Amino acid sequence: MGKNKNAQVSDDMAGQAAGAIGGLAVVFGILAAIKDKLGLSWPTTVLLTAGTLVALGYGAWRLRAAIVRLVAGEKLPAAALKQEAAASVLVDPQTDAEPVPAHPELTAALTTAGVISREQVIRADEVTVTDVPTGTLYDFLVPKGRTYEDVEKRLGTVAGMFGVTRLHLTMERSRDNERRVKLLKLHEPPFTHPFPAPTRQEIETFPGVPFGHDVTGRLAGVPTFDKASLLVAGMTQMGKTTLVNGIITCLLIAYGEFEMYLLDGKFCGLTKFEKKAVRYESSDDPAVFEDMVDELNRRSDNRYAKIKEAIQNRQPAPKFTPVIFIVDEAADFFAHDESKEGKEQARRIAEKTRSLVAKSLESGISSVLMTQRPSTNAIPVMVRDQFLYRMCLYVASAGTAKVALGDTYFDTVAPINPALLDPDIKGQAVLFANGRSTLIRGFNFEDQFIWSIVDEATVKQQEEAISAPSKTPIEHAIEILRNDGVDFMLTADLAPALGITESDPAERGKQLSALLGINSGRTAQGRGYKLDDLIAAARSSS
């Protein structure tokens, strides 16, 4: 068996050698014929023949590649048909114009990121690159058929092509051309160096309510709190209360006249604004939260009744003073102790809060809820879903961020993951408003500045109260109880102070109840009126 195999190998080698000898004989015969025909020397004949064969082979390869591309339906770039074109010059596929220079950095980055196709280019003559104090600004046009949205949707991938993170990039669209993009690439991670707090004039001239600085140092915020509420979430010690203190300060400066209800679940986080608040409570008791929500829902119902009455009478809709309800550590008020009564209270509070946030916006009542526990069940979903504005400071995971920003947040345009924020930079947050994400850092105002703003607003409020029309009977009754320093006054004592001289107790009580618009209550002292009931009734009527 082995001998037969060796014999077969020997025969193959002999055959290959014979073939090679025959091939060489043919080649020498051809070369001899060429030499005799052209009268050339042997070296010249060999070189000429070899060169001709190489040229023919290259031409055949080019022809085959062209045929393959045409069969596959791929358009041949004009540059491939011009062997002498420079490597940095490409043909604009949108026009029949002469080849134009392509911007190498942007073209490569946007092509690889999938923003533009491989046949498209970013024209160098449509790019402006400017060095600014915080980074490099690219102002350019995307090719025809593309818009700024194509860049915005892949901003994270584009950042990777630039060798930076998504946090290093910020993008603006043009107001006059859908193809124009302004892309800022930061030299350093955002907010590496803090920006100075804004002046009063800067806050007043901002078109809306500023919440903080963006990564370029400009003020960023929301256009209005009218018909909108805000949810703020983030882990503890991330600067949440300082950030919201800055927002309230800006509201006092820029938002005009409004009423504040403050529930300080942290006990001292919102104390600076107690003087300006219509009602201030420092408590973590869910019953206190429920009582404030009930009061605001009553005000909302009363306002809607007035709106309905105006519509029925074909009158202009009444204008109400805006009310903003601000709650620190809101998650504590939705928790329960697993008891039947606790679960029922939590369910009741969640439904009342949902109603307040969802239904009170048209009546001019907005809510700002803050929590340092942005877990799935910290604030019920039916409450979270009602917020138009959302803000999230540093959190440990993308899943936690969805609790604050919404379950579909990472499917929105150009999302920013709060889990990527630097936890050592306090007050840094992702603001999601009107479908767009902005990375901001809240203002850290000096206490003296905040106090001066609060005192100024309080004095203005008092001056307006003095110059306002005469008090209503219920306002007069409140003033009487406050001047006497009491929380309760008998009908027999309050009626004469309000000009009711009826001697019959029953008739006197009826007249006083009709004058005030609320019924009296009974205590161990007798029938009369509590100061808290009078205040609640006065607020509900405004």
Protein backbone atom coordinates (compact mmCIF):
# COMPACT_ATOMS: atom_id res chain seq x y z
CA MET A 1 0.00 0.00 0.00
CA GLY A 2 2.81 2.40 0.97
CA LYS A 3 4.78 1.55 -2.17
CA ASN A 4 1.78 2.33 -4.40
CA LYS A 5 1.28 5.72 -2.69
CA ASN A 6 4.97 6.65 -3.10
CA ALA A 7 4.87 5.62 -6.74
CA GLN A 8 1.81 7.85 -7.27
CA VAL A 9 3.60 10.86 -5.69
CA SER A 10 6.66 10.27 -7.90
CA ASP A 11 4.45 10.14 -11.00
CA ASP A 12 2.74 13.45 -9.96
CA MET A 13 6.08 15.18 -9.45
CA ALA A 14 7.32 13.92 -12.81
CA GLY A 15 4.16 15.19 -14.49
CA GLN A 16 4.45 18.64 -12.85
CA ALA A 17 8.14 18.88 -13.88
CA ALA A 18 7.27 17.97 -17.45
CA GLY A 19 4.52 20.60 -17.46
CA ALA A 20 6.88 23.25 -16.11
CA ILE A 21 9.50 22.40 -18.75
CA GLY A 22 6.83 22.62 -21.43
CA GLY A 23 5.60 25.99 -20.08
CA LEU A 24 9.11 27.41 -20.06
CA ALA A 25 9.61 26.20 -23.63
CA VAL A 26 6.43 28.01 -24.71
CA VAL A 27 7.44 31.23 -22.86
CA PHE A 28 10.91 31.22 -24.44
CA GLY A 29 9.33 30.57 -27.82
CA ILE A 30 7.01 33.58 -27.40
CA LEU A 31 9.83 35.79 -26.15
CA ALA A 32 12.07 34.70 -29.10
CA ALA A 33 9.28 35.57 -31.55
CA ILE A 34 8.81 39.02 -29.94
CA LYS A 35 12.57 39.60 -29.94
CA ASP A 36 12.89 38.72 -33.63
CA LYS A 37 9.82 40.77 -34.56
CA LEU A 38 10.86 43.92 -32.69
CA GLY A 39 14.63 43.48 -32.92
CA LEU A 40 15.11 43.98 -29.16
CA SER A 41 17.66 42.53 -26.80
CA TRP A 42 16.73 39.68 -24.44
CA PRO A 43 16.55 41.83 -21.19
CA THR A 44 14.40 44.46 -22.90
CA THR A 45 12.06 41.85 -24.30
CA VAL A 46 11.55 40.23 -20.85
CA LEU A 47 10.86 43.57 -19.08
CA LEU A 48 8.46 44.77 -21.77
CA THR A 49 6.47 41.56 -21.71
CA ALA A 50 6.27 41.51 -17.90
CA GLY A 51 5.10 45.15 -17.78
CA THR A 52 2.40 44.49 -20.38
CA LEU A 53 1.08 41.49 -18.42
CA VAL A 54 0.96 43.50 -15.15
CA ALA A 55 -0.95 46.37 -16.82
CA LEU A 56 -3.45 43.94 -18.35
CA GLY A 57 -3.95 42.24 -14.96
CA TYR A 58 -4.60 45.58 -13.18
CA GLY A 59 -7.09 46.62 -15.83
CA ALA A 60 -8.93 43.32 -15.53
CA TRP A 61 -9.10 43.74 -11.71
CA ARG A 62 -10.57 47.27 -12.01
CA LEU A 63 -13.12 46.11 -14.55
CA ARG A 64 -14.17 43.17 -12.35
CA ALA A 65 -14.58 45.44 -9.26
CA ALA A 66 -16.74 47.87 -11.25
CA ILE A 67 -18.96 45.05 -12.51
CA VAL A 68 -19.41 43.67 -8.96
CA ARG A 69 -20.43 47.09 -7.60
CA LEU A 70 -22.92 47.72 -10.40
CA VAL A 71 -24.49 44.28 -9.92
CA ALA A 72 -24.82 44.99 -6.15
CA GLY A 73 -26.61 48.32 -6.93
CA GLU A 74 -23.92 50.49 -5.27
CA LYS A 75 -23.29 53.89 -6.82
CA LEU A 76 -19.67 54.43 -7.77
CA PRO A 77 -18.22 57.58 -6.20
CA ALA A 78 -16.92 60.00 -8.76
CA ALA A 79 -13.63 60.21 -6.85
CA ALA A 80 -12.98 56.53 -7.59
CA LEU A 81 -13.15 57.27 -11.30
CA LYS A 82 -10.55 60.03 -11.05
CA GLN A 83 -7.25 58.48 -10.11
CA GLU A 84 -5.53 61.80 -9.58
CA ALA A 85 -8.12 63.26 -7.11
CA ALA A 86 -6.73 64.24 -3.70
CA ALA A 87 -7.67 62.01 -0.75
CA SER A 88 -9.35 64.90 1.17
CA VAL A 89 -11.56 65.95 -1.76
CA LEU A 90 -14.88 64.19 -2.29
CA VAL A 91 -17.85 64.76 -4.58
CA ASP A 92 -21.04 66.08 -2.98
CA PRO A 93 -23.59 63.42 -3.94
CA GLN A 94 -26.46 65.92 -3.59
CA THR A 95 -25.39 67.99 -6.59
CA ASP A 96 -23.58 67.67 -9.91
CA ALA A 97 -21.05 70.29 -8.83
CA GLU A 98 -17.31 69.90 -8.94
CA PRO A 99 -15.62 68.00 -6.10
CA VAL A 100 -15.60 69.94 -2.78
CA PRO A 101 -13.37 69.62 0.31
CA ALA A 102 -14.87 67.49 3.10
CA HIS A 103 -14.30 68.32 6.77
CA PRO A 104 -12.30 65.22 7.79
CA GLU A 105 -13.07 65.16 11.54
CA LEU A 106 -16.84 65.76 11.35
CA THR A 107 -17.32 63.61 8.25
CA ALA A 108 -15.53 60.65 9.83
CA ALA A 109 -17.30 61.05 13.21
CA LEU A 110 -20.83 61.45 11.84
CA THR A 111 -20.39 58.70 9.24
CA THR A 112 -19.17 56.15 11.79
CA ALA A 113 -21.89 57.22 14.25
CA GLY A 114 -24.54 56.55 11.60
CA VAL A 115 -25.72 60.16 11.41
CA ILE A 116 -24.93 60.41 7.69
CA SER A 117 -24.41 57.72 5.06
CA ARG A 118 -21.02 56.82 3.64
CA GLU A 119 -21.85 58.60 0.38
CA GLN A 120 -22.48 61.87 2.23
CA VAL A 121 -19.98 64.40 3.55
CA ILE A 122 -19.85 67.40 5.85
CA ARG A 123 -18.61 70.12 3.54
CA ALA A 124 -15.58 71.98 4.87
CA ASP A 125 -16.92 75.26 3.49
CA GLU A 126 -20.08 74.83 5.62
CA VAL A 127 -18.21 74.29 8.91
CA THR A 128 -17.07 76.90 11.42
CA VAL A 129 -14.89 75.74 14.33
CA THR A 130 -14.49 78.18 17.21
CA ASP A 131 -12.56 77.85 20.46
CA VAL A 132 -14.65 79.12 23.39
CA PRO A 133 -13.65 79.34 27.07
CA THR A 134 -15.29 76.01 27.94
CA GLY A 135 -14.54 73.98 24.81
CA THR A 136 -14.70 73.78 21.02
CA LEU A 137 -17.81 74.87 19.13
CA TYR A 138 -18.64 73.21 15.81
CA ASP A 139 -21.19 75.10 13.71
CA PHE A 140 -22.06 73.13 10.56
CA LEU A 141 -24.71 71.98 8.10
CA VAL A 142 -25.64 68.33 7.74
CA PRO A 143 -26.17 67.13 4.13
CA LYS A 144 -29.48 67.63 2.36
CA GLY A 145 -31.99 65.03 3.47
CA ARG A 146 -30.68 65.15 7.06
CA THR A 147 -31.63 67.45 9.95
CA TYR A 148 -30.36 68.36 13.39
CA GLU A 149 -32.54 65.54 14.80
CA ASP A 150 -30.32 62.95 13.12
CA VAL A 151 -27.39 64.28 15.15
CA GLU A 152 -29.40 64.71 18.35
CA LYS A 153 -30.70 61.11 18.32
CA ARG A 154 -27.13 59.74 18.19
CA LEU A 155 -25.42 62.28 20.41
CA GLY A 156 -24.00 59.61 22.72
CA THR A 157 -22.41 57.74 19.80
CA VAL A 158 -21.07 61.00 18.37
CA ALA A 159 -19.47 61.76 21.75
CA GLY A 160 -17.70 58.42 21.61
CA MET A 161 -16.32 59.28 18.17
CA PHE A 162 -14.90 62.49 19.64
CA GLY A 163 -13.31 60.51 22.47
CA VAL A 164 -15.45 62.09 25.23
CA THR A 165 -18.59 61.16 27.20
CA ARG A 166 -22.16 62.23 26.49
CA LEU A 167 -21.86 64.69 29.38
CA HIS A 168 -19.12 66.56 27.46
CA LEU A 169 -21.44 67.36 24.54
CA THR A 170 -24.22 69.89 24.25
CA MET A 171 -26.16 70.66 21.09
CA GLU A 172 -28.28 73.53 19.84
CA ARG A 173 -30.50 73.65 16.80
CA SER A 174 -30.84 76.64 14.49
CA ARG A 175 -34.09 78.59 14.37
CA ASP A 176 -33.73 79.36 10.65
CA ASN A 177 -32.37 76.12 9.15
CA GLU A 178 -33.25 72.54 10.07
CA ARG A 179 -29.87 71.36 8.78
CA ARG A 180 -27.76 73.65 10.97
CA VAL A 181 -26.22 72.19 14.13
CA LYS A 182 -24.16 73.82 16.86
CA LEU A 183 -22.18 71.20 18.76
CA LEU A 184 -20.10 72.11 21.81
CA LYS A 185 -17.40 69.69 22.98
CA LEU A 186 -16.18 70.56 26.49
CA HIS A 187 -12.47 70.56 27.28
CA GLU A 188 -13.16 69.25 30.82
CA PRO A 189 -15.95 67.27 32.52
CA PRO A 190 -18.99 69.50 33.13
CA PHE A 191 -18.96 71.82 36.15
CA THR A 192 -15.34 71.04 36.97
CA HIS A 193 -15.16 74.72 37.90
CA PRO A 194 -18.29 76.26 39.51
CA PHE A 195 -19.98 79.27 37.95
CA PRO A 196 -20.77 82.31 40.13
CA ALA A 197 -24.36 82.70 41.31
CA PRO A 198 -26.44 84.92 39.01
CA THR A 199 -27.27 88.49 39.88
CA ARG A 200 -30.79 89.71 40.46
CA GLN A 201 -30.78 91.42 37.08
CA GLU A 202 -29.75 88.20 35.30
CA ILE A 203 -32.61 86.35 36.99
CA GLU A 204 -35.13 89.07 36.13
CA THR A 205 -34.14 89.13 32.44
CA PHE A 206 -34.26 85.34 32.03
CA PRO A 207 -37.31 84.32 29.93
CA GLY A 208 -38.92 82.16 32.60
CA VAL A 209 -37.71 80.70 35.88
CA PRO A 210 -34.01 79.73 35.99
CA PHE A 211 -33.10 76.53 37.82
CA GLY A 212 -29.31 76.60 37.41
CA HIS A 213 -26.39 76.97 34.98
CA ASP A 214 -25.98 74.75 31.96
CA VAL A 215 -22.53 73.37 31.06
CA THR A 216 -21.61 76.58 29.21
CA GLY A 217 -22.43 78.82 32.18
CA ARG A 218 -25.69 80.17 30.78
CA LEU A 219 -28.87 80.17 32.85
CA ALA A 220 -31.22 77.25 32.21
CA GLY A 221 -34.70 76.53 33.50
CA VAL A 222 -38.35 76.44 32.44
CA PRO A 223 -40.48 79.07 30.69
CA THR A 224 -43.23 79.07 33.33
CA PHE A 225 -44.85 77.24 36.23
CA ASP A 226 -48.29 77.95 34.82
CA LYS A 227 -50.12 74.64 34.34
CA ALA A 228 -46.99 72.66 35.21
CA SER A 229 -45.58 70.81 38.22
CA LEU A 230 -42.07 69.60 39.09
CA LEU A 231 -40.74 66.34 40.52
CA VAL A 232 -37.19 66.45 41.95
CA ALA A 233 -35.39 63.23 42.91
CA GLY A 234 -31.88 62.22 43.86
CA MET A 235 -29.89 60.37 46.44
CA THR A 236 -29.20 61.92 49.82
CA GLN A 237 -26.46 64.56 50.19
CA MET A 238 -26.52 65.38 46.47
CA GLY A 239 -27.52 69.04 46.99
CA LYS A 240 -31.26 68.68 46.35
CA THR A 241 -32.48 71.07 49.06
CA THR A 242 -29.90 73.72 48.10
CA LEU A 243 -30.99 73.41 44.48
CA VAL A 244 -34.67 73.88 45.38
CA ASN A 245 -33.85 76.80 47.68
CA GLY A 246 -32.29 78.42 44.64
CA ILE A 247 -35.39 77.74 42.56
CA ILE A 248 -37.68 79.30 45.22
CA THR A 249 -35.42 82.35 45.39
CA CYS A 250 -35.65 82.75 41.62
CA LEU A 251 -39.43 82.36 41.82
CA LEU A 252 -39.63 85.22 44.31
CA ILE A 253 -37.58 87.41 41.97
CA ALA A 254 -38.86 86.45 38.53
CA TYR A 255 -42.31 84.89 38.81
CA GLY A 256 -44.31 87.81 40.10
CA GLU A 257 -46.96 87.56 42.79
CA PHE A 258 -47.82 84.04 43.95
CA GLU A 259 -48.70 82.16 47.12
CA MET A 260 -46.53 79.45 48.65
CA TYR A 261 -47.53 76.45 50.72
CA LEU A 262 -44.45 74.83 52.26
CA LEU A 263 -44.28 71.40 53.90
CA ASP A 264 -40.78 70.89 55.29
CA GLY A 265 -40.35 67.16 55.75
CA LYS A 266 -36.68 67.73 56.55
CA PHE A 267 -37.78 70.11 59.37
CA CYS A 268 -35.37 72.91 58.46
CA GLY A 269 -34.74 72.62 54.71
CA LEU A 270 -37.25 75.32 53.71
CA THR A 271 -37.23 77.45 56.87
CA LYS A 272 -35.69 80.46 55.08
CA PHE A 273 -39.00 81.04 53.27
CA GLU A 274 -41.40 80.62 56.21
CA LYS A 275 -42.17 84.37 56.39
CA LYS A 276 -43.36 84.46 52.78
CA ALA A 277 -45.42 81.26 52.95
CA VAL A 278 -49.20 81.41 53.25
CA ARG A 279 -48.91 78.18 55.21
CA TYR A 280 -45.70 76.62 56.50
CA GLU A 281 -45.54 73.25 58.26
CA SER A 282 -42.43 71.46 59.54
CA SER A 283 -43.51 67.85 59.92
CA ASP A 284 -43.11 64.31 58.61
CA ASP A 285 -46.62 63.31 59.69
CA PRO A 286 -48.71 62.06 56.71
CA ALA A 287 -51.81 63.57 58.37
CA VAL A 288 -50.31 67.06 58.01
CA PHE A 289 -49.57 66.42 54.36
CA GLU A 290 -53.10 65.15 53.79
CA ASP A 291 -54.59 68.20 55.51
CA MET A 292 -52.63 70.58 53.25
CA VAL A 293 -53.59 68.59 50.16
CA ASP A 294 -57.26 68.72 51.24
CA GLU A 295 -57.05 72.49 51.67
CA LEU A 296 -55.53 72.98 48.23
CA ASN A 297 -58.06 70.63 46.61
CA ARG A 298 -60.85 72.70 48.17
CA ARG A 299 -59.31 75.87 46.74
CA SER A 300 -59.05 74.18 43.38
CA ASP A 301 -62.70 73.08 43.45
CA ASN A 302 -63.77 76.61 44.37
CA ARG A 303 -61.74 78.09 41.52
CA TYR A 304 -63.20 75.63 39.03
CA ALA A 305 -66.68 76.58 40.21
CA LYS A 306 -65.90 80.23 39.47
CA ILE A 307 -64.50 79.29 36.03
CA LYS A 308 -67.67 77.32 35.27
CA GLU A 309 -69.86 80.20 36.42
CA ALA A 310 -67.96 82.63 34.18
CA ILE A 311 -68.41 80.33 31.17
CA GLN A 312 -72.13 79.95 31.86
CA ASN A 313 -72.54 83.73 32.10
CA ARG A 314 -70.40 84.26 28.99
CA GLN A 315 -67.86 86.25 30.96
CA PRO A 316 -64.04 86.26 30.70
CA ALA A 317 -62.34 83.53 32.72
CA PRO A 318 -61.36 84.79 36.18
CA LYS A 319 -57.67 85.31 36.92
CA PHE A 320 -56.35 83.66 40.09
CA THR A 321 -53.20 84.28 42.07
CA PRO A 322 -50.81 81.37 41.29
CA VAL A 323 -50.27 78.92 44.15
CA ILE A 324 -47.18 76.70 44.43
CA PHE A 325 -47.16 73.78 46.88
CA ILE A 326 -43.58 72.72 47.73
CA VAL A 327 -42.88 69.53 49.69
CA ASP A 328 -39.47 68.33 50.87
CA GLU A 329 -39.04 64.59 51.48
CA ALA A 330 -42.38 63.79 49.85
CA ALA A 331 -41.79 60.02 49.84
CA ASP A 332 -42.22 59.92 53.63
CA PHE A 333 -45.86 60.94 53.29
CA PHE A 334 -46.76 58.03 51.00
CA ALA A 335 -45.20 55.39 53.28
CA HIS A 336 -47.22 53.26 55.71
CA ASP A 337 -46.63 50.89 58.62
CA GLU A 338 -48.18 47.81 56.90
CA SER A 339 -51.25 48.09 59.13
CA LYS A 340 -54.72 48.15 57.59
CA GLU A 341 -55.25 51.74 58.70
CA GLY A 342 -51.81 52.78 57.43
CA LYS A 343 -52.36 51.23 54.01
CA GLU A 344 -55.75 52.91 53.73
CA GLN A 345 -54.25 56.28 54.66
CA ALA A 346 -51.47 55.85 52.09
CA ARG A 347 -53.99 54.93 49.39
CA ARG A 348 -56.15 57.92 50.29
CA ILE A 349 -53.20 60.33 50.27
CA ALA A 350 -51.96 59.02 46.90
CA GLU A 351 -55.37 59.53 45.27
CA LYS A 352 -55.78 63.03 46.73
CA THR A 353 -52.28 64.01 45.62
CA ARG A 354 -52.86 62.64 42.12
CA SER A 355 -56.01 64.72 41.92
CA LEU A 356 -54.18 67.83 43.13
CA VAL A 357 -51.28 67.50 40.69
CA ALA A 358 -53.44 66.45 37.74
CA LYS A 359 -56.56 68.58 38.11
CA SER A 360 -55.43 71.75 39.83
CA LEU A 361 -53.13 73.03 37.07
CA GLU A 362 -55.95 74.73 35.15
CA SER A 363 -56.92 76.54 38.35
CA GLY A 364 -53.41 77.90 38.87
CA ILE A 365 -52.17 75.52 41.59
CA SER A 366 -48.80 73.85 40.93
CA SER A 367 -46.85 71.32 42.97
CA VAL A 368 -43.13 70.72 43.57
CA LEU A 369 -42.38 67.37 45.23
CA MET A 370 -38.86 66.39 46.29
CA THR A 371 -37.63 63.00 47.41
CA GLN A 372 -34.27 61.46 48.30
CA ARG A 373 -35.67 57.95 47.85
CA PRO A 374 -36.37 57.62 44.11
CA SER A 375 -37.27 53.94 44.38
CA THR A 376 -40.10 52.30 42.47
CA ASN A 377 -42.67 52.61 45.25
CA ALA A 378 -41.40 55.78 46.97
CA ILE A 379 -43.91 57.99 45.17
CA PRO A 380 -46.84 56.15 43.58
CA VAL A 381 -46.78 55.85 39.79
CA MET A 382 -50.18 57.48 39.44
CA VAL A 383 -48.72 60.58 41.13
CA ARG A 384 -45.36 60.56 39.29
CA ASP A 385 -47.03 60.36 35.89
CA GLN A 386 -48.71 63.76 36.35
CA PHE A 387 -45.53 65.87 36.40
CA LEU A 388 -44.64 67.87 33.29
CA TYR A 389 -41.20 68.90 34.58
CA ARG A 390 -38.79 66.34 36.06
CA MET A 391 -35.36 66.68 37.56
CA CYS A 392 -32.97 63.94 38.68
CA LEU A 393 -29.71 64.39 40.57
CA TYR A 394 -27.11 61.63 40.87
CA VAL A 395 -28.59 58.14 41.31
CA ALA A 396 -26.98 54.73 41.43
CA SER A 397 -28.50 53.21 38.28
CA ALA A 398 -30.41 53.89 35.10
CA GLY A 399 -33.38 51.99 36.55
CA THR A 400 -33.58 54.43 39.45
CA ALA A 401 -33.36 57.34 37.01
CA LYS A 402 -36.45 56.04 35.21
CA VAL A 403 -38.42 56.40 38.44
CA ALA A 404 -37.72 60.14 38.45
CA LEU A 405 -37.60 60.89 34.73
CA GLY A 406 -40.18 58.41 33.45
CA ASP A 407 -40.15 54.80 32.29
CA THR A 408 -39.64 55.81 28.66
CA TYR A 409 -37.04 58.51 29.36
CA PHE A 410 -34.15 56.67 27.70
CA ASP A 411 -36.23 56.37 24.52
CA THR A 412 -36.48 60.16 24.23
CA VAL A 413 -34.23 62.34 22.10
CA ALA A 414 -30.66 62.77 23.43
CA PRO A 415 -31.22 61.44 26.98
CA ILE A 416 -28.63 62.01 29.72
CA ASN A 417 -28.08 59.21 32.23
CA PRO A 418 -28.06 60.66 35.80
CA ALA A 419 -26.09 57.62 36.95
CA LEU A 420 -23.10 59.06 35.02
CA LEU A 421 -23.07 62.33 36.99
CA ASP A 422 -20.17 63.04 39.32
CA PRO A 423 -21.53 62.50 42.87
CA ASP A 424 -18.82 64.80 44.24
CA ILE A 425 -20.32 67.79 42.39
CA LYS A 426 -23.35 68.77 44.47
CA GLY A 427 -26.50 70.19 42.92
CA GLN A 428 -25.81 68.68 39.49
CA ALA A 429 -28.97 67.37 37.83
CA VAL A 430 -30.67 66.35 34.60
CA LEU A 431 -33.63 68.62 33.83
CA PHE A 432 -36.22 67.03 31.53
CA ALA A 433 -38.73 69.63 30.38
CA ASN A 434 -40.82 69.92 27.22
CA GLY A 435 -39.27 66.73 25.81
CA ARG A 436 -35.65 67.91 26.04
CA SER A 437 -32.84 67.07 28.47
CA THR A 438 -30.45 69.66 29.90
CA LEU A 439 -27.58 69.08 32.30
CA ILE A 440 -27.59 71.84 34.92
CA ARG A 441 -26.06 72.72 38.25
CA GLY A 442 -28.29 74.54 40.76
CA PHE A 443 -27.49 77.92 42.26
CA ASN A 444 -25.89 78.10 45.69
CA PHE A 445 -26.97 81.55 46.88
CA GLU A 446 -25.53 83.13 50.02
CA ASP A 447 -27.94 83.14 52.97
CA GLN A 448 -27.84 86.95 53.14
CA PHE A 449 -29.03 87.19 49.53
CA ILE A 450 -31.94 84.77 50.15
CA TRP A 451 -32.98 86.57 53.32
CA SER A 452 -32.99 89.93 51.56
CA ILE A 453 -35.22 88.57 48.79
CA VAL A 454 -37.64 87.02 51.31
CA ASP A 455 -37.81 90.21 53.41
CA GLU A 456 -38.41 92.31 50.32
CA ALA A 457 -41.21 90.02 49.12
CA THR A 458 -42.81 90.03 52.59
CA VAL A 459 -42.79 93.83 52.84
CA LYS A 460 -44.30 94.11 49.36
CA GLN A 461 -47.03 91.67 50.34
CA GLN A 462 -47.87 93.68 53.45
CA GLU A 463 -47.98 96.93 51.50
CA GLU A 464 -50.36 95.40 48.97
CA ALA A 465 -52.57 94.13 51.80
CA ILE A 466 -52.78 97.63 53.30
CA SER A 467 -53.63 99.23 49.96
CA ALA A 468 -56.13 96.52 49.04
CA PRO A 469 -59.91 97.05 49.21
CA SER A 470 -61.65 96.71 52.55
CA LYS A 471 -61.55 93.29 54.18
CA THR A 472 -64.26 90.71 53.77
CA PRO A 473 -66.18 89.69 56.89
CA ILE A 474 -64.22 86.46 57.18
CA GLU A 475 -60.91 88.34 56.85
CA HIS A 476 -62.12 90.76 59.52
CA ALA A 477 -63.00 87.82 61.79
CA ILE A 478 -59.53 86.33 61.31
CA GLU A 479 -57.96 89.66 62.22
CA ILE A 480 -60.08 89.88 65.39
CA LEU A 481 -59.01 86.44 66.62
CA ARG A 482 -55.34 87.15 65.80
CA ASN A 483 -55.39 90.51 67.55
CA ASP A 484 -56.85 88.86 70.62
CA GLY A 485 -54.24 86.09 70.41
CA VAL A 486 -56.83 83.30 70.53
CA ASP A 487 -57.46 80.20 68.38
CA PHE A 488 -61.21 80.07 69.16
CA MET A 489 -63.93 82.65 69.80
CA LEU A 490 -67.54 82.14 70.90
CA THR A 491 -70.33 83.26 68.60
CA ALA A 492 -71.60 85.53 71.36
CA ASP A 493 -68.27 87.40 71.37
CA LEU A 494 -67.54 87.42 67.62
CA ALA A 495 -70.98 88.53 66.43
CA PRO A 496 -70.95 91.98 68.13
CA ALA A 497 -67.39 92.59 66.90
CA LEU A 498 -68.70 92.14 63.35
CA GLY A 499 -71.68 94.46 63.90
CA ILE A 500 -74.40 91.87 64.65
CA THR A 501 -76.55 93.19 67.55
CA GLU A 502 -79.21 90.46 67.60
CA SER A 503 -79.94 89.40 71.20
CA ASP A 504 -81.53 86.04 70.44
CA PRO A 505 -78.71 83.45 70.47
CA ALA A 506 -80.20 81.28 67.70
CA GLU A 507 -80.90 84.21 65.38
CA ARG A 508 -77.51 85.72 66.16
CA GLY A 509 -75.82 82.47 65.20
CA LYS A 510 -77.72 82.30 61.91
CA GLN A 511 -76.78 85.86 60.97
CA LEU A 512 -73.12 85.31 61.81
CA SER A 513 -73.00 82.05 59.86
CA ALA A 514 -74.57 83.76 56.82
CA LEU A 515 -72.13 86.67 57.09
CA LEU A 516 -69.04 84.48 57.27
CA GLY A 517 -70.22 81.82 54.84
CA ILE A 518 -69.35 78.91 57.16
CA ASN A 519 -71.08 77.22 60.06
CA SER A 520 -69.91 77.47 63.64
CA GLY A 521 -68.55 74.53 65.59
CA ARG A 522 -69.06 73.30 69.11
CA THR A 523 -66.31 72.87 71.70
CA ALA A 524 -66.25 72.47 75.46
CA GLN A 525 -66.42 76.27 75.73
CA GLY A 526 -69.58 76.50 73.61
CA ARG A 527 -70.48 77.21 69.98
CA GLY A 528 -68.12 79.42 68.04
CA TYR A 529 -65.39 79.63 65.36
CA LYS A 530 -61.84 78.26 65.22
CA LEU A 531 -59.12 80.41 63.71
CA ASP A 532 -57.89 77.54 61.49
CA ASP A 533 -61.40 77.00 60.10
CA LEU A 534 -61.73 80.69 59.28
CA ILE A 535 -58.32 80.75 57.54
CA ALA A 536 -59.12 77.62 55.52
CA ALA A 537 -62.46 79.10 54.43
CA ALA A 538 -60.81 82.38 53.43
CA ARG A 539 -58.22 80.56 51.32
CA SER A 540 -60.84 78.37 49.68
CA SER A 541 -62.73 81.46 48.54
CA SER A 542 -59.66 83.02 46.88
